[in-house]
Amino acid sequence: MTAQETLNNVEKALEEIRPFLMSDGGNIKLLSIEDNIVNVQLQGACTGCSVNQMTLKNGVEATIKKYAPQITEVINVA
């Protein structure tokens, strides 16, 4: 998969998960993809949420890996 295809697939994954985050007053921004690691920034209500790491791993990371299986990790950059 090319870098552009990976970027497109990660964006598709974020579009799938974004409505769920927005319904709770949050959002997510893609910062970069480096060495199969996706760097994102949780925004809005997600920044202070006590379960944001669970959301990041079980929701965001799982969805991204569904679209781009080569991704090894998703990191929230505060």
Protein backbone atom coordinates (compact mmCIF):
# COMPACT_ATOMS: atom_id res chain seq x y z
CA MET A 1 0.00 0.00 0.00
CA THR A 2 1.42 3.40 -0.96
CA ALA A 3 1.73 6.28 1.49
CA GLN A 4 -1.17 8.04 -0.27
CA GLU A 5 -3.38 4.95 -0.04
CA THR A 6 -2.54 4.64 3.66
CA LEU A 7 -3.40 8.30 4.20
CA ASN A 8 -6.69 7.90 2.34
CA ASN A 9 -7.61 4.80 4.35
CA VAL A 10 -6.76 6.44 7.67
CA GLU A 11 -8.90 9.45 6.69
CA LYS A 12 -11.79 7.09 5.84
CA ALA A 13 -11.43 5.45 9.26
CA LEU A 14 -11.46 8.82 11.01
CA GLU A 15 -14.57 9.86 9.08
CA GLU A 16 -16.26 6.69 10.34
CA ILE A 17 -15.40 7.33 13.99
CA ARG A 18 -15.72 11.13 14.01
CA PRO A 19 -19.56 11.23 14.36
CA PHE A 20 -19.33 9.19 17.57
CA LEU A 21 -16.74 11.56 19.02
CA MET A 22 -18.71 14.61 17.93
CA SER A 23 -21.88 13.30 19.55
CA ASP A 24 -20.03 13.57 22.88
CA GLY A 25 -18.60 17.01 22.11
CA GLY A 26 -15.23 15.85 20.85
CA ASN A 27 -13.33 15.47 17.62
CA ILE A 28 -10.08 14.09 16.25
CA LYS A 29 -7.42 15.56 13.98
CA LEU A 30 -4.87 13.58 11.97
CA LEU A 31 -1.40 15.03 12.53
CA SER A 32 0.90 12.58 10.76
CA ILE A 33 1.64 9.01 9.75
CA GLU A 34 5.25 7.94 10.31
CA ASP A 35 6.64 4.39 10.21
CA ASN A 36 3.11 2.91 10.38
CA ILE A 37 2.32 4.95 13.50
CA VAL A 38 -0.58 7.39 13.31
CA ASN A 39 -0.33 10.58 15.37
CA VAL A 40 -3.67 12.21 16.15
CA GLN A 41 -4.92 14.94 18.41
CA LEU A 42 -8.11 14.41 20.38
CA GLN A 43 -10.05 17.66 20.58
CA GLY A 44 -12.96 19.23 22.41
CA ALA A 45 -14.50 17.17 25.18
CA CYS A 46 -12.13 14.31 24.36
CA THR A 47 -9.14 16.18 25.79
CA GLY A 48 -10.40 16.05 29.36
CA CYS A 49 -12.34 12.81 29.18
CA SER A 50 -11.29 10.15 31.67
CA VAL A 51 -11.78 7.33 29.15
CA ASN A 52 -10.05 8.94 26.17
CA GLN A 53 -7.24 6.33 26.16
CA MET A 54 -9.81 3.54 26.00
CA THR A 55 -11.58 5.37 23.17
CA LEU A 56 -8.27 5.85 21.40
CA LYS A 57 -7.26 2.17 21.59
CA ASN A 58 -10.61 0.38 21.35
CA GLY A 59 -12.35 2.78 18.99
CA VAL A 60 -9.96 4.86 16.95
CA GLU A 61 -7.04 2.43 16.66
CA ALA A 62 -9.28 -0.57 15.95
CA THR A 63 -11.14 1.33 13.21
CA ILE A 64 -7.94 2.60 11.62
CA LYS A 65 -6.46 -0.92 11.61
CA LYS A 66 -9.61 -2.18 9.90
CA TYR A 67 -8.94 0.21 7.00
CA ALA A 68 -5.13 0.12 7.12
CA PRO A 69 -3.92 -3.14 8.74
CA GLN A 70 -0.27 -2.14 8.44
CA ILE A 71 -0.75 0.55 11.08
CA THR A 72 0.85 -0.64 14.32
CA GLU A 73 -0.21 2.08 16.74
CA VAL A 74 -2.25 5.25 17.16
CA ILE A 75 -0.85 7.91 19.49
CA ASN A 76 -2.66 10.95 20.87
CA VAL A 77 -0.36 13.98 20.73
CA ALA A 78 -1.69 16.45 23.26
